[in-house]
């Protein structure tokens, strides 16, 4: 891509935006966890229908995948193909 003067256009630094998207996605997972009542789903009150998960494991798993939200947002920002997403 070229700028109006014919020079290569500088891509904006999308890292802060990708970080904000990752933060919002992580926050959404935690908000969903903390919502109660919701029959069958994990909450701080009970594990719902899950025998293999509780609020602590869901919270840890949300934290574990948070860095990948940054990568996913960055791939989307550069119009990565679906296979990469």
Protein backbone atom coordinates (compact mmCIF):
# COMPACT_ATOMS: atom_id res chain seq x y z
CA UNK A 1 0.00 0.00 0.00
CA UNK A 2 1.30 3.44 -0.92
CA UNK A 3 0.67 6.77 0.70
CA UNK A 4 -0.53 9.73 -1.43
CA UNK A 5 3.08 10.81 -2.07
CA UNK A 6 3.96 7.37 -3.46
CA UNK A 7 5.96 6.22 -0.43
CA UNK A 8 5.08 2.95 1.30
CA UNK A 9 2.28 3.58 3.76
CA UNK A 10 3.16 2.95 7.38
CA UNK A 11 0.89 0.45 9.08
CA UNK A 12 -0.43 1.63 12.43
CA UNK A 13 0.77 -0.19 15.53
CA UNK A 14 -2.17 -2.44 16.29
CA UNK A 15 -0.62 -4.06 19.37
CA UNK A 16 -2.48 -1.82 21.86
CA UNK A 17 -5.80 -2.49 20.13
CA UNK A 18 -5.15 -6.24 20.02
CA UNK A 19 -4.31 -6.16 23.72
CA UNK A 20 -7.59 -4.32 24.46
CA UNK A 21 -9.54 -6.90 22.44
CA UNK A 22 -7.85 -9.72 24.38
CA UNK A 23 -8.61 -7.97 27.66
CA UNK A 24 -12.28 -7.58 26.67
CA UNK A 25 -12.57 -11.25 25.62
CA UNK A 26 -11.01 -12.40 28.89
CA UNK A 27 -13.27 -10.07 30.88
CA UNK A 28 -16.31 -11.47 29.04
CA UNK A 29 -15.36 -15.01 30.07
CA UNK A 30 -14.97 -13.95 33.69
CA UNK A 31 -18.24 -11.97 33.62
CA UNK A 32 -20.02 -15.05 32.26
CA UNK A 33 -18.49 -17.13 35.05
CA UNK A 34 -19.63 -14.71 37.72
CA UNK A 35 -23.20 -14.43 36.42
CA UNK A 36 -25.68 -16.34 38.57
CA UNK A 37 -28.12 -18.03 38.35
CA UNK A 38 -27.65 -19.83 35.05
CA UNK A 39 -28.86 -23.43 35.07
CA UNK A 40 -26.27 -25.99 34.03
CA UNK A 41 -23.32 -23.62 33.75
CA UNK A 42 -20.35 -23.07 36.04
CA UNK A 43 -20.60 -20.18 38.50
CA UNK A 44 -18.92 -19.26 41.77
CA UNK A 45 -21.92 -20.86 43.51
CA UNK A 46 -21.79 -24.30 41.85
CA UNK A 47 -20.40 -26.29 38.93
CA UNK A 48 -23.75 -26.64 37.19
CA UNK A 49 -23.80 -29.80 35.08
CA UNK A 50 -20.00 -29.91 34.83
CA UNK A 51 -18.28 -32.67 36.75
CA UNK A 52 -14.83 -31.70 35.48
CA UNK A 53 -14.89 -27.95 36.09
CA UNK A 54 -15.55 -25.42 38.79
CA UNK A 55 -15.14 -21.67 39.04
CA UNK A 56 -11.43 -21.99 39.78
CA UNK A 57 -10.67 -24.18 36.77
CA UNK A 58 -12.75 -21.97 34.47
CA UNK A 59 -10.96 -18.87 35.76
CA UNK A 60 -7.54 -20.52 35.21
CA UNK A 61 -8.47 -21.70 31.73
CA UNK A 62 -9.64 -18.19 30.78
CA UNK A 63 -6.26 -16.88 31.93
CA UNK A 64 -4.41 -19.59 30.04
CA UNK A 65 -6.03 -18.75 26.69
CA UNK A 66 -5.88 -14.96 27.12
CA UNK A 67 -2.53 -14.57 25.26
CA UNK A 68 -4.04 -16.34 22.27
CA UNK A 69 -6.78 -13.71 22.05
CA UNK A 70 -4.03 -11.17 21.29
CA UNK A 71 -2.72 -13.38 18.49
CA UNK A 72 -6.22 -13.94 17.13
CA UNK A 73 -6.96 -10.21 17.10
CA UNK A 74 -3.66 -9.49 15.35
CA UNK A 75 -4.38 -12.17 12.71
CA UNK A 76 -7.81 -10.69 12.13
CA UNK A 77 -6.36 -7.19 11.80
CA UNK A 78 -4.14 -8.34 8.96
CA UNK A 79 -6.99 -10.22 7.26
CA UNK A 80 -5.39 -13.60 7.86
CA UNK A 81 -7.01 -16.54 6.09
CA UNK A 82 -9.54 -18.59 8.02
CA UNK A 83 -7.10 -21.50 8.37
CA UNK A 84 -4.72 -19.23 10.33
CA UNK A 85 -7.48 -17.82 12.49
